[in-house]
C-alpha atoms as a PDB file:
ATOM      1  CA  MET A   1      -3.279  -8.113   7.733  1.00  0.00           C
ATOM      2  CA  ASN A   2      -4.848  -5.870  10.344  1.00  0.00           C
ATOM      3  CA  LYS A   3      -2.836  -4.063  12.982  1.00  0.00           C
ATOM      4  CA  ILE A   4      -3.371  -5.138  16.600  1.00  0.00           C
ATOM      5  CA  VAL A   5      -3.728  -2.330  19.060  1.00  0.00           C
ATOM      6  CA  MET A   6      -2.551  -4.109  22.226  1.00  0.00           C
ATOM      7  CA  THR A   7       0.832  -5.585  23.048  1.00  0.00           C
ATOM      8  CA  LEU A   8       1.254  -9.095  24.409  1.00  0.00           C
ATOM      9  CA  SER A   9       2.485  -7.794  27.764  1.00  0.00           C
ATOM     10  CA  ALA A  10      -0.495  -5.464  28.183  1.00  0.00           C
ATOM     11  CA  ILE A  11      -3.070  -8.180  27.521  1.00  0.00           C
ATOM     12  CA  THR A  12      -1.217 -10.701  29.696  1.00  0.00           C
ATOM     13  CA  ALA A  13      -1.138  -8.231  32.588  1.00  0.00           C
ATOM     14  CA  LEU A  14      -4.845  -7.540  32.127  1.00  0.00           C
ATOM     15  CA  LEU A  15      -5.875 -11.203  32.281  1.00  0.00           C
ATOM     16  CA  LEU A  16      -3.670 -11.979  35.286  1.00  0.00           C
ATOM     17  CA  LEU A  17      -5.372  -9.465  37.556  1.00  0.00           C
ATOM     18  CA  PRO A  18      -6.557 -11.176  40.755  1.00  0.00           C
ATOM     19  CA  ALA A  19     -10.240 -12.102  41.012  1.00  0.00           C
ATOM     20  CA  ALA A  20     -12.430 -10.760  43.791  1.00  0.00           C
ATOM     21  CA  PRO A  21     -14.349 -13.091  46.137  1.00  0.00           C
ATOM     22  CA  SER A  22     -17.118 -15.042  44.400  1.00  0.00           C
ATOM     23  CA  SER A  23     -20.771 -13.929  44.587  1.00  0.00           C
ATOM     24  CA  PHE A  24     -23.676 -13.523  42.186  1.00  0.00           C
ATOM     25  CA  ALA A  25     -23.024  -9.936  41.081  1.00  0.00           C
ATOM     26  CA  LEU A  26     -20.422  -9.199  38.392  1.00  0.00           C
ATOM     27  CA  GLU A  27     -18.320  -6.194  37.399  1.00  0.00           C
ATOM     28  CA  LEU A  28     -16.468  -5.328  34.189  1.00  0.00           C
ATOM     29  CA  THR A  29     -13.095  -3.644  34.701  1.00  0.00           C
ATOM     30  CA  LYS A  30      -9.896  -2.804  32.810  1.00  0.00           C
ATOM     31  CA  THR A  31     -11.348  -2.656  29.302  1.00  0.00           C
ATOM     32  CA  ILE A  32      -9.066  -2.684  26.256  1.00  0.00           C
ATOM     33  CA  PRO A  33      -9.764  -2.741  22.486  1.00  0.00           C
ATOM     34  CA  LEU A  34      -8.737  -5.846  20.538  1.00  0.00           C
ATOM     35  CA  THR A  35      -9.416  -4.476  17.050  1.00  0.00           C
ATOM     36  CA  SER A  36      -8.584  -1.188  15.397  1.00  0.00           C
ATOM     37  CA  GLY A  37      -9.648   0.779  12.348  1.00  0.00           C
ATOM     38  CA  ASN A  38     -13.077   1.941  11.230  1.00  0.00           C
ATOM     39  CA  GLU A  39     -14.682  -1.364  10.253  1.00  0.00           C
ATOM     40  CA  TYR A  40     -17.558  -2.585  12.422  1.00  0.00           C
ATOM     41  CA  CYS A  41     -16.716  -5.899  14.124  1.00  0.00           C
ATOM     42  CA  MET A  42     -19.311  -8.186  15.677  1.00  0.00           C
ATOM     43  CA  GLY A  43     -20.181 -11.702  16.813  1.00  0.00           C
ATOM     44  CA  ALA A  44     -16.933 -12.344  18.697  1.00  0.00           C
ATOM     45  CA  VAL A  45     -16.620 -15.796  20.324  1.00  0.00           C
ATOM     46  CA  PHE A  46     -13.836 -17.398  22.352  1.00  0.00           C
ATOM     47  CA  SER A  47     -12.252 -20.624  21.150  1.00  0.00           C
ATOM     48  CA  PRO A  48     -12.920 -23.544  23.537  1.00  0.00           C
ATOM     49  CA  ASP A  49      -9.321 -23.416  24.832  1.00  0.00           C
ATOM     50  CA  GLY A  50      -9.609 -19.656  25.456  1.00  0.00           C
ATOM     51  CA  THR A  51      -6.532 -18.689  23.443  1.00  0.00           C
ATOM     52  CA  LYS A  52      -8.259 -17.165  20.395  1.00  0.00           C
ATOM     53  CA  ILE A  53     -11.394 -15.340  19.349  1.00  0.00           C
ATOM     54  CA  SER A  54     -13.330 -15.459  16.116  1.00  0.00           C
ATOM     55  CA  PHE A  55     -15.396 -12.540  14.869  1.00  0.00           C
ATOM     56  CA  SER A  56     -17.102 -11.109  11.816  1.00  0.00           C
ATOM     57  CA  LYS A  57     -17.717  -7.696  10.330  1.00  0.00           C
ATOM     58  CA  SER A  58     -20.777  -5.678   9.297  1.00  0.00           C
ATOM     59  CA  SER A  59     -23.783  -7.860   8.378  1.00  0.00           C
ATOM     60  CA  TYR A  60     -21.745 -10.872   9.548  1.00  0.00           C
ATOM     61  CA  ASN A  61     -19.714 -10.798   6.339  1.00  0.00           C
ATOM     62  CA  GLY A  62     -16.392 -12.642   6.560  1.00  0.00           C
ATOM     63  CA  LEU A  63     -14.809 -14.667   9.325  1.00  0.00           C
ATOM     64  CA  TYR A  64     -11.664 -13.669  11.208  1.00  0.00           C
ATOM     65  CA  VAL A  65      -9.544 -15.263  13.949  1.00  0.00           C
ATOM     66  CA  MET A  66      -7.300 -13.444  16.380  1.00  0.00           C
ATOM     67  CA  ASN A  67      -4.941 -14.753  19.055  1.00  0.00           C
ATOM     68  CA  LEU A  68      -6.007 -13.472  22.439  1.00  0.00           C
ATOM     69  CA  ASP A  69      -2.455 -12.339  23.133  1.00  0.00           C
ATOM     70  CA  GLY A  70      -2.852  -9.817  20.303  1.00  0.00           C
ATOM     71  CA  THR A  71      -0.254 -11.253  17.931  1.00  0.00           C
ATOM     72  CA  VAL A  72      -2.199 -11.704  14.691  1.00  0.00           C
ATOM     73  CA  ILE A  73      -5.507 -11.305  12.898  1.00  0.00           C
ATOM     74  CA  GLN A  74      -6.165 -13.917  10.228  1.00  0.00           C
ATOM     75  CA  LYS A  75      -8.923 -13.622   7.627  1.00  0.00           C
ATOM     76  CA  LEU A  76     -10.320 -17.113   7.117  1.00  0.00           C
ATOM     77  CA  THR A  77     -12.857 -15.993   4.513  1.00  0.00           C
ATOM     78  CA  ASP A  78     -14.662 -12.921   3.240  1.00  0.00           C
ATOM     79  CA  GLU A  79     -17.765 -14.868   2.190  1.00  0.00           C
ATOM     80  CA  PRO A  80     -21.119 -13.155   2.823  1.00  0.00           C
ATOM     81  CA  ALA A  81     -22.830 -14.108   6.126  1.00  0.00           C
ATOM     82  CA  ALA A  82     -19.989 -16.491   7.061  1.00  0.00           C
ATOM     83  CA  GLY A  83     -19.770 -15.025  10.566  1.00  0.00           C
ATOM     84  CA  PHE A  84     -23.441 -15.511  11.485  1.00  0.00           C
ATOM     85  CA  ARG A  85     -23.486 -18.087  14.314  1.00  0.00           C
ATOM     86  CA  ALA A  86     -20.196 -19.590  13.153  1.00  0.00           C
ATOM     87  CA  ALA A  87     -19.028 -22.103  15.764  1.00  0.00           C
ATOM     88  CA  TRP A  88     -15.690 -23.384  16.976  1.00  0.00           C
ATOM     89  CA  LEU A  89     -15.173 -27.130  16.948  1.00  0.00           C
ATOM     90  CA  PRO A  90     -14.194 -28.536  20.380  1.00  0.00           C
ATOM     91  CA  ASP A  91     -10.490 -28.934  19.518  1.00  0.00           C
ATOM     92  CA  SER A  92     -10.151 -25.156  18.870  1.00  0.00           C
ATOM     93  CA  LYS A  93      -8.523 -25.939  15.511  1.00  0.00           C
ATOM     94  CA  SER A  94     -11.449 -25.386  13.149  1.00  0.00           C
ATOM     95  CA  ILE A  95     -14.633 -23.342  12.748  1.00  0.00           C
ATOM     96  CA  ILE A  96     -17.839 -24.481  11.066  1.00  0.00           C
ATOM     97  CA  TYR A  97     -19.940 -21.911   9.245  1.00  0.00           C
ATOM     98  CA  ARG A  98     -22.601 -21.316   6.602  1.00  0.00           C
ATOM     99  CA  ALA A  99     -21.887 -18.891   3.776  1.00  0.00           C
ATOM    100  CA  ASN A 100     -23.759 -17.379   0.851  1.00  0.00           C
ATOM    101  CA  THR A 101     -22.758 -16.986  -2.790  1.00  0.00           C
ATOM    102  CA  LEU A 102     -24.153 -13.872  -4.478  1.00  0.00           C
ATOM    103  CA  ASP A 103     -25.139 -13.331  -8.096  1.00  0.00           C
ATOM    104  CA  THR A 104     -24.138 -10.308 -10.181  1.00  0.00           C
ATOM    105  CA  MET A 105     -27.056  -8.326  -8.718  1.00  0.00           C
ATOM    106  CA  GLY A 106     -25.921  -8.969  -5.124  1.00  0.00           C
ATOM    107  CA  ARG A 107     -28.723 -11.438  -4.437  1.00  0.00           C
ATOM    108  CA  ILE A 108     -28.179 -14.830  -2.763  1.00  0.00           C
ATOM    109  CA  ASP A 109     -27.540 -17.375  -5.510  1.00  0.00           C
ATOM    110  CA  SER A 110     -26.655 -20.417  -3.369  1.00  0.00           C
ATOM    111  CA  ARG A 111     -25.546 -21.482   0.113  1.00  0.00           C
ATOM    112  CA  ALA A 112     -22.859 -23.736   1.554  1.00  0.00           C
ATOM    113  CA  VAL A 113     -21.639 -25.264   4.804  1.00  0.00           C
ATOM    114  CA  LYS A 114     -17.875 -25.267   5.275  1.00  0.00           C
ATOM    115  CA  VAL A 115     -15.210 -25.956   7.885  1.00  0.00           C
ATOM    116  CA  ALA A 116     -12.200 -23.630   8.049  1.00  0.00           C
ATOM    117  CA  GLU A 117      -8.899 -24.825   9.511  1.00  0.00           C
ATOM    118  CA  VAL A 118      -7.478 -21.998  11.615  1.00  0.00           C
ATOM    119  CA  SER A 119      -3.782 -22.879  11.237  1.00  0.00           C
ATOM    120  CA  THR A 120      -3.806 -23.174   7.439  1.00  0.00           C
ATOM    121  CA  GLY A 121      -6.868 -21.184   6.390  1.00  0.00           C
ATOM    122  CA  LYS A 122      -7.962 -24.192   4.338  1.00  0.00           C
ATOM    123  CA  LYS A 123     -11.705 -24.359   3.741  1.00  0.00           C
ATOM    124  CA  ILE A 124     -13.338 -27.773   3.534  1.00  0.00           C
ATOM    125  CA  SER A 125     -16.730 -27.914   1.850  1.00  0.00           C
ATOM    126  CA  VAL A 126     -19.372 -30.091   3.504  1.00  0.00           C
ATOM    127  CA  ILE A 127     -22.152 -29.089   1.090  1.00  0.00           C
ATOM    128  CA  SER A 128     -22.279 -26.268  -1.452  1.00  0.00           C
ATOM    129  CA  GLY A 129     -24.336 -24.877  -4.309  1.00  0.00           C
ATOM    130  CA  VAL A 130     -27.712 -25.522  -2.666  1.00  0.00           C
ATOM    131  CA  ASP A 131     -30.773 -23.294  -2.474  1.00  0.00           C
ATOM    132  CA  TRP A 132     -31.127 -23.736   1.276  1.00  0.00           C
ATOM    133  CA  VAL A 133     -29.095 -25.251   4.081  1.00  0.00           C
ATOM    134  CA  ALA A 134     -29.651 -24.804   7.809  1.00  0.00           C
ATOM    135  CA  LEU A 135     -27.050 -23.467  10.192  1.00  0.00           C
ATOM    136  CA  PRO A 136     -25.340 -26.754  11.086  1.00  0.00           C
ATOM    137  CA  GLY A 137     -24.906 -28.526  14.414  1.00  0.00           C
ATOM    138  CA  TYR A 138     -21.830 -30.467  15.520  1.00  0.00           C
ATOM    139  CA  SER A 139     -20.933 -33.145  18.047  1.00  0.00           C
ATOM    140  CA  GLU A 140     -17.851 -35.346  18.345  1.00  0.00           C
ATOM    141  CA  SER A 141     -19.930 -38.530  18.119  1.00  0.00           C
ATOM    142  CA  LYS A 142     -22.159 -37.605  15.155  1.00  0.00           C
ATOM    143  CA  GLY A 143     -20.090 -35.020  13.294  1.00  0.00           C
ATOM    144  CA  ILE A 144     -21.903 -32.319  11.324  1.00  0.00           C
ATOM    145  CA  VAL A 145     -25.701 -32.432  11.079  1.00  0.00           C
ATOM    146  CA  TYR A 146     -27.646 -30.064   8.840  1.00  0.00           C
ATOM    147  CA  SER A 147     -30.854 -29.836   6.822  1.00  0.00           C
ATOM    148  CA  SER A 148     -30.685 -29.010   3.134  1.00  0.00           C
ATOM    149  CA  ASN A 149     -33.876 -28.507   1.161  1.00  0.00           C
ATOM    150  CA  GLY A 150     -35.868 -30.509   3.696  1.00  0.00           C
ATOM    151  CA  LYS A 151     -33.493 -33.465   4.079  1.00  0.00           C
ATOM    152  CA  LEU A 152     -31.676 -34.042   7.382  1.00  0.00           C
ATOM    153  CA  GLN A 153     -28.090 -35.058   6.667  1.00  0.00           C
ATOM    154  CA  GLN A 154     -24.977 -36.102   8.575  1.00  0.00           C
ATOM    155  CA  SER A 155     -21.287 -35.890   7.642  1.00  0.00           C
ATOM    156  CA  THR A 156     -18.555 -37.348   9.837  1.00  0.00           C
ATOM    157  CA  LYS A 157     -14.940 -36.220  10.091  1.00  0.00           C
ATOM    158  CA  LEU A 158     -12.168 -38.215   8.469  1.00  0.00           C
ATOM    159  CA  ILE A 159      -8.438 -37.904   9.021  1.00  0.00           C
ATOM    160  CA  ALA A 160      -6.563 -38.507   5.779  1.00  0.00           C
ATOM    161  CA  GLN A 161      -2.942 -38.109   4.728  1.00  0.00           C
ATOM    162  CA  ALA A 162      -3.767 -34.834   3.016  1.00  0.00           C
ATOM    163  CA  GLY A 163      -5.396 -33.477   6.177  1.00  0.00           C
ATOM    164  CA  MET A 164      -8.882 -33.233   7.579  1.00  0.00           C
ATOM    165  CA  LYS A 165     -11.869 -33.878   5.333  1.00  0.00           C
ATOM    166  CA  TYR A 166     -15.499 -34.874   5.696  1.00  0.00           C
ATOM    167  CA  ALA A 167     -17.205 -37.999   4.438  1.00  0.00           C
ATOM    168  CA  PRO A 168     -20.033 -37.752   1.906  1.00  0.00           C
ATOM    169  CA  SER A 169     -23.240 -36.806   3.691  1.00  0.00           C
ATOM    170  CA  ILE A 170     -25.741 -39.503   4.655  1.00  0.00           C
ATOM    171  CA  ILE A 171     -29.444 -38.638   4.580  1.00  0.00           C
ATOM    172  CA  THR A 172     -31.024 -39.621   7.913  1.00  0.00           C
ATOM    173  CA  ASN A 173     -34.477 -38.084   7.412  1.00  0.00           C
ATOM    174  CA  GLU A 174     -36.247 -37.207   4.156  1.00  0.00           C
ATOM    175  CA  ASP A 175     -38.665 -34.682   5.650  1.00  0.00           C
ATOM    176  CA  LEU A 176     -37.138 -32.266   8.144  1.00  0.00           C
ATOM    177  CA  ASN A 177     -36.866 -28.582   7.390  1.00  0.00           C
ATOM    178  CA  ALA A 178     -34.733 -26.377   9.631  1.00  0.00           C
ATOM    179  CA  ASN A 179     -33.256 -22.893   9.820  1.00  0.00           C
ATOM    180  CA  ALA A 180     -30.693 -23.919  12.445  1.00  0.00           C
ATOM    181  CA  ILE A 181     -29.732 -27.158  14.194  1.00  0.00           C
ATOM    182  CA  THR A 182     -27.974 -27.503  17.549  1.00  0.00           C
ATOM    183  CA  GLN A 183     -26.660 -30.911  18.622  1.00  0.00           C
ATOM    184  CA  THR A 184     -26.397 -31.953  22.240  1.00  0.00           C
ATOM    185  CA  HIS A 185     -22.856 -32.729  23.348  1.00  0.00           C
ATOM    186  CA  ASP A 186     -23.461 -36.499  23.380  1.00  0.00           C
ATOM    187  CA  GLY A 187     -25.037 -36.391  19.915  1.00  0.00           C
ATOM    188  CA  THR A 188     -28.323 -37.973  21.026  1.00  0.00           C
ATOM    189  CA  LYS A 189     -30.636 -34.992  20.503  1.00  0.00           C
ATOM    190  CA  LEU A 190     -31.125 -32.166  18.022  1.00  0.00           C
ATOM    191  CA  ILE A 191     -32.642 -28.779  18.819  1.00  0.00           C
ATOM    192  CA  ILE A 192     -34.411 -27.595  15.685  1.00  0.00           C
ATOM    193  CA  GLU A 193     -35.198 -23.963  14.846  1.00  0.00           C
ATOM    194  CA  ASP A 194     -37.601 -23.593  11.916  1.00  0.00           C
ATOM    195  CA  ASP A 195     -40.389 -21.327  10.693  1.00  0.00           C
ATOM    196  CA  ASN A 196     -42.809 -22.940  13.166  1.00  0.00           C
ATOM    197  CA  GLY A 197     -40.693 -22.418  16.299  1.00  0.00           C
ATOM    198  CA  ILE A 198     -38.312 -24.640  18.273  1.00  0.00           C
ATOM    199  CA  SER A 199     -38.484 -28.392  18.850  1.00  0.00           C
ATOM    200  CA  VAL A 200     -36.289 -31.233  20.137  1.00  0.00           C
ATOM    201  CA  THR A 201     -35.815 -34.505  18.246  1.00  0.00           C
ATOM    202  CA  ASP A 202     -33.698 -37.622  18.298  1.00  0.00           C
ATOM    203  CA  THR A 203     -30.585 -37.440  16.111  1.00  0.00           C
ATOM    204  CA  ASP A 204     -32.391 -38.986  13.130  1.00  0.00           C
ATOM    205  CA  GLY A 205     -35.152 -36.362  13.302  1.00  0.00           C
ATOM    206  CA  THR A 206     -37.764 -38.639  14.871  1.00  0.00           C
ATOM    207  CA  ASN A 207     -39.588 -38.399  18.217  1.00  0.00           C
ATOM    208  CA  ARG A 208     -40.058 -34.676  17.738  1.00  0.00           C
ATOM    209  CA  LYS A 209     -41.361 -32.631  20.679  1.00  0.00           C
ATOM    210  CA  THR A 210     -42.367 -28.966  20.464  1.00  0.00           C
ATOM    211  CA  VAL A 211     -40.758 -26.429  22.804  1.00  0.00           C
ATOM    212  CA  VAL A 212     -42.423 -23.300  21.420  1.00  0.00           C
ATOM    213  CA  HIS A 213     -44.681 -22.490  18.451  1.00  0.00           C
ATOM    214  CA  ASN A 214     -44.112 -19.203  16.675  1.00  0.00           C
ATOM    215  CA  GLY A 215     -47.206 -17.041  17.002  1.00  0.00           C
ATOM    216  CA  GLU A 216     -48.370 -14.293  14.660  1.00  0.00           C
ATOM    217  CA  ASN A 217     -45.729 -11.845  15.878  1.00  0.00           C
ATOM    218  CA  ASP A 218     -43.304 -14.320  17.473  1.00  0.00           C
ATOM    219  CA  LEU A 219     -39.880 -15.388  16.328  1.00  0.00           C
ATOM    220  CA  ALA A 220     -38.169 -17.942  18.565  1.00  0.00           C
ATOM    221  CA  TYR A 221     -34.462 -18.017  17.699  1.00  0.00           C
ATOM    222  CA  GLY A 222     -30.867 -18.072  18.898  1.00  0.00           C
ATOM    223  CA  VAL A 223     -30.578 -21.449  20.647  1.00  0.00           C
ATOM    224  CA  LYS A 224     -27.444 -21.860  22.777  1.00  0.00           C
ATOM    225  CA  LEU A 225     -26.761 -25.087  24.633  1.00  0.00           C
ATOM    226  CA  SER A 226     -25.452 -24.804  28.194  1.00  0.00           C
ATOM    227  CA  PRO A 227     -21.853 -26.000  28.734  1.00  0.00           C
ATOM    228  CA  ASP A 228     -23.077 -28.924  30.847  1.00  0.00           C
ATOM    229  CA  GLY A 229     -25.545 -29.923  28.118  1.00  0.00           C
ATOM    230  CA  THR A 230     -28.622 -30.046  30.357  1.00  0.00           C
ATOM    231  CA  LYS A 231     -30.524 -27.001  29.079  1.00  0.00           C
ATOM    232  CA  PHE A 232     -30.566 -24.335  26.401  1.00  0.00           C
ATOM    233  CA  LEU A 233     -31.498 -20.692  26.055  1.00  0.00           C
ATOM    234  CA  TYR A 234     -33.350 -18.986  23.252  1.00  0.00           C
ATOM    235  CA  HIS A 235     -35.020 -15.645  22.540  1.00  0.00           C
ATOM    236  CA  ASN A 236     -38.526 -14.687  21.443  1.00  0.00           C
ATOM    237  CA  ASN A 237     -40.381 -11.483  20.679  1.00  0.00           C
ATOM    238  CA  VAL A 238     -42.916 -10.440  23.311  1.00  0.00           C
ATOM    239  CA  GLY A 239     -44.687  -7.338  22.072  1.00  0.00           C
ATOM    240  CA  ALA A 240     -42.050  -4.692  21.380  1.00  0.00           C
ATOM    241  CA  ALA A 241     -39.415  -6.432  23.540  1.00  0.00           C
ATOM    242  CA  VAL A 242     -37.285  -9.551  23.208  1.00  0.00           C
ATOM    243  CA  HIS A 243     -37.400 -12.023  26.102  1.00  0.00           C
ATOM    244  CA  LEU A 244     -34.859 -14.626  27.201  1.00  0.00           C
ATOM    245  CA  TYR A 245     -36.054 -18.209  27.811  1.00  0.00           C
ATOM    246  CA  ILE A 246     -34.384 -21.250  29.375  1.00  0.00           C
ATOM    247  CA  THR A 247     -35.543 -24.810  28.566  1.00  0.00           C
ATOM    248  CA  SER A 248     -34.590 -28.032  30.370  1.00  0.00           C
ATOM    249  CA  LEU A 249     -33.640 -30.798  27.926  1.00  0.00           C
ATOM    250  CA  ASP A 250     -34.819 -33.403  30.431  1.00  0.00           C
ATOM    251  CA  THR A 251     -38.354 -32.086  31.015  1.00  0.00           C
ATOM    252  CA  LEU A 252     -38.712 -29.496  28.199  1.00  0.00           C
ATOM    253  CA  LYS A 253     -40.110 -27.115  30.803  1.00  0.00           C
ATOM    254  CA  THR A 254     -39.344 -23.499  29.896  1.00  0.00           C
ATOM    255  CA  LEU A 255     -38.756 -20.402  32.034  1.00  0.00           C
ATOM    256  CA  ASP A 256     -39.555 -16.915  30.724  1.00  0.00           C
ATOM    257  CA  CYS A 257     -36.730 -14.849  32.216  1.00  0.00           C
ATOM    258  CA  GLY A 258     -38.062 -11.492  31.067  1.00  0.00           C
ATOM    259  CA  GLN A 259     -36.592  -8.909  28.742  1.00  0.00           C
ATOM    260  CA  GLY A 260     -33.134  -9.633  27.324  1.00  0.00           C
ATOM    261  CA  PHE A 261     -31.223 -10.560  24.171  1.00  0.00           C
ATOM    262  CA  ASP A 262     -27.705 -11.642  23.158  1.00  0.00           C
ATOM    263  CA  GLY A 263     -27.788 -14.231  25.960  1.00  0.00           C
ATOM    264  CA  THR A 264     -24.565 -16.168  26.589  1.00  0.00           C
ATOM    265  CA  TRP A 265     -23.868 -18.920  29.140  1.00  0.00           C
ATOM    266  CA  MET A 266     -21.353 -18.581  31.912  1.00  0.00           C
ATOM    267  CA  PRO A 267     -19.067 -21.665  31.964  1.00  0.00           C
ATOM    268  CA  ASP A 268     -20.681 -22.881  35.215  1.00  0.00           C
ATOM    269  CA  SER A 269     -24.017 -23.391  33.358  1.00  0.00           C
ATOM    270  CA  ASN A 270     -25.768 -21.748  36.303  1.00  0.00           C
ATOM    271  CA  ARG A 271     -25.806 -18.168  35.012  1.00  0.00           C
ATOM    272  CA  ILE A 272     -26.403 -16.279  31.780  1.00  0.00           C
ATOM    273  CA  MET A 273     -25.132 -12.846  30.772  1.00  0.00           C
ATOM    274  CA  PHE A 274     -27.376 -10.909  28.413  1.00  0.00           C
ATOM    275  CA  CYS A 275     -28.021  -7.441  27.053  1.00  0.00           C
ATOM    276  CA  ILE A 276     -30.802  -4.870  27.330  1.00  0.00           C
ATOM    277  CA  ALA A 277     -30.480  -1.873  25.020  1.00  0.00           C
ATOM    278  CA  THR A 278     -32.442   1.247  24.213  1.00  0.00           C
ATOM    279  CA  ASN A 279     -32.843   2.868  20.809  1.00  0.00           C
ATOM    280  CA  ASP A 280     -34.260   5.995  19.236  1.00  0.00           C
ATOM    281  CA  GLY A 281     -36.113   4.127  16.512  1.00  0.00           C
ATOM    282  CA  TYR A 282     -33.080   4.148  14.236  1.00  0.00           C
ATOM    283  CA  ASP A 283     -30.074   3.001  16.239  1.00  0.00           C
ATOM    284  CA  TYR A 284     -28.960   1.874  19.688  1.00  0.00           C
ATOM    285  CA  THR A 285     -28.413   4.751  22.103  1.00  0.00           C
ATOM    286  CA  ASP A 286     -27.517   2.881  25.320  1.00  0.00           C
ATOM    287  CA  SER A 287     -27.095  -0.643  26.650  1.00  0.00           C
ATOM    288  CA  ALA A 288     -26.420  -2.619  29.803  1.00  0.00           C
ATOM    289  CA  PHE A 289     -25.381  -6.171  30.659  1.00  0.00           C
ATOM    290  CA  TYR A 290     -27.279  -8.275  33.165  1.00  0.00           C
ATOM    291  CA  ILE A 291     -26.660 -11.632  34.814  1.00  0.00           C
ATOM    292  CA  ILE A 292     -29.458 -14.085  35.597  1.00  0.00           C
ATOM    293  CA  SER A 293     -29.498 -17.468  37.330  1.00  0.00           C
ATOM    294  CA  ALA A 294     -30.527 -20.485  35.273  1.00  0.00           C
ATOM    295  CA  ASP A 295     -33.471 -21.096  37.620  1.00  0.00           C
ATOM    296  CA  ASN A 296     -34.640 -17.465  37.139  1.00  0.00           C
ATOM    297  CA  THR A 297     -34.465 -16.711  40.871  1.00  0.00           C
ATOM    298  CA  ASN A 298     -31.762 -14.047  40.756  1.00  0.00           C
ATOM    299  CA  ARG A 299     -31.179 -11.200  38.312  1.00  0.00           C
ATOM    300  CA  GLU A 300     -28.600  -8.432  38.686  1.00  0.00           C
ATOM    301  CA  LYS A 301     -27.274  -5.617  36.550  1.00  0.00           C
ATOM    302  CA  VAL A 302     -23.584  -6.029  35.748  1.00  0.00           C
ATOM    303  CA  ILE A 303     -21.523  -3.141  37.109  1.00  0.00           C
ATOM    304  CA  LEU A 304     -20.075  -1.315  34.090  1.00  0.00           C
ATOM    305  CA  PRO A 305     -17.559   1.515  33.712  1.00  0.00           C
ATOM    306  CA  ALA A 306     -19.108   4.924  32.934  1.00  0.00           C
ATOM    307  CA  ASP A 307     -17.236   5.214  29.633  1.00  0.00           C
ATOM    308  CA  GLY A 308     -20.034   5.879  27.146  1.00  0.00           C
ATOM    309  CA  GLN A 309     -19.729   2.527  25.394  1.00  0.00           C
ATOM    310  CA  ILE A 310     -22.799   0.811  23.922  1.00  0.00           C
ATOM    311  CA  ARG A 311     -22.066  -2.835  24.669  1.00  0.00           C
ATOM    312  CA  LEU A 312     -23.575  -5.608  22.498  1.00  0.00           C
ATOM    313  CA  TYR A 313     -22.869  -9.292  21.671  1.00  0.00           C
ATOM    314  CA  PRO A 314     -21.179 -10.444  24.912  1.00  0.00           C
ATOM    315  CA  ALA A 315     -19.220 -13.724  25.067  1.00  0.00           C
ATOM    316  CA  ILE A 316     -17.596 -15.175  28.183  1.00  0.00           C
ATOM    317  CA  ALA A 317     -14.119 -16.731  28.323  1.00  0.00           C
ATOM    318  CA  PRO A 318     -13.969 -20.461  29.196  1.00  0.00           C
ATOM    319  CA  ASP A 319     -12.232 -19.591  32.488  1.00  0.00           C
ATOM    320  CA  SER A 320     -14.913 -16.957  33.363  1.00  0.00           C
ATOM    321  CA  LYS A 321     -12.244 -14.293  33.881  1.00  0.00           C
ATOM    322  CA  SER A 322     -13.031 -12.046  30.928  1.00  0.00           C
ATOM    323  CA  VAL A 323     -15.730 -11.034  28.471  1.00  0.00           C
ATOM    324  CA  ILE A 324     -15.531  -9.839  24.866  1.00  0.00           C
ATOM    325  CA  TYR A 325     -18.176  -7.710  23.176  1.00  0.00           C
ATOM    326  CA  THR A 326     -18.727  -5.083  20.504  1.00  0.00           C
ATOM    327  CA  ASP A 327     -18.737  -1.410  21.441  1.00  0.00           C
ATOM    328  CA  HIS A 328     -21.507  -0.306  19.090  1.00  0.00           C
ATOM    329  CA  SER A 329     -20.377   3.326  19.211  1.00  0.00           C
ATOM    330  CA  THR A 330     -16.966   2.500  17.664  1.00  0.00           C
ATOM    331  CA  GLY A 331     -17.447  -0.957  16.122  1.00  0.00           C
ATOM    332  CA  LYS A 332     -14.441  -2.331  18.020  1.00  0.00           C
ATOM    333  CA  ILE A 333     -14.189  -5.690  19.758  1.00  0.00           C
ATOM    334  CA  MET A 334     -13.439  -4.992  23.416  1.00  0.00           C
ATOM    335  CA  LEU A 335     -12.008  -7.202  26.170  1.00  0.00           C
ATOM    336  CA  SER A 336     -12.838  -6.630  29.849  1.00  0.00           C
ATOM    337  CA  VAL A 337     -11.824  -8.389  33.024  1.00  0.00           C
ATOM    338  CA  LEU A 338     -14.878 -10.000  34.618  1.00  0.00           C
ATOM    339  CA  ARG A 339     -14.872  -9.765  38.408  1.00  0.00           C
ATOM    340  CA  GLU A 340     -17.205 -11.395  40.893  1.00  0.00           C
ATOM    341  CA  LYS A 341     -18.495  -8.887  43.458  1.00  0.00           C
END
């Protein structure tokens, strides 16, 4: 078990600092480390109830959960790639993830989709031992939706005497390939990321409409649904830079918001925090956070402490009062108070 570097009283005092009057601009203040040691930590995300964070380590290997009050770090799994776009379920009790199994040469032998119960560490297999399975989507009404070897499948949650489990998967479409699937909150639509780009379909994979086609040097990726469920963000290469895009689920009209990556929604669904970083051709040398309005009419640099940190992978707390991120220079997960200016 890892040692936590902050006491409960210190973190509580940090998060109870009064907020400044609301405006568009934001400021990060009172930064503290949440992890210690020399291992690189990344991909931190708040639980929906805001009491915990999940994170991974180098190359997204393993999946870890930590109470926000600093009391414990729990290793849910050390499976390869388990932390890549792992997602909390809405009840904050479980995390869904995709993991790889490696052969004796360190190559990917098979893939699986699993759900990990945070309180017990129990891992529930949804599908395993397959050549390919997409990053899964989840909604309360439809359960888990994923694509495995070209077949769109659905598995609903069951509550049994022995604890949570998932029903055998039902195939809902025989011909739908995907790299990642995001479900809308009401379970009526799927946002599909595949080798061709991004599209939106009905839950059964029909009525498919294209949002963006991947071009020769394009790679549209990283869909994140807004908290209110009306739009989503994604990223795409534009020349040597990565741009942030926002698409309306109602009209499928898309805004190019300019350079930016690691986009994350503010809980109000009206703003997005994202990152712009510089590198020397080998590694990141500097970074900054920005905030942009969902209608692309306002864009401001977040005011950051002059502390030499290289900030990546931001995630906003459900109450908008704090942000977690990785300091690339140390590999630590950091927590900062988020103030409106």
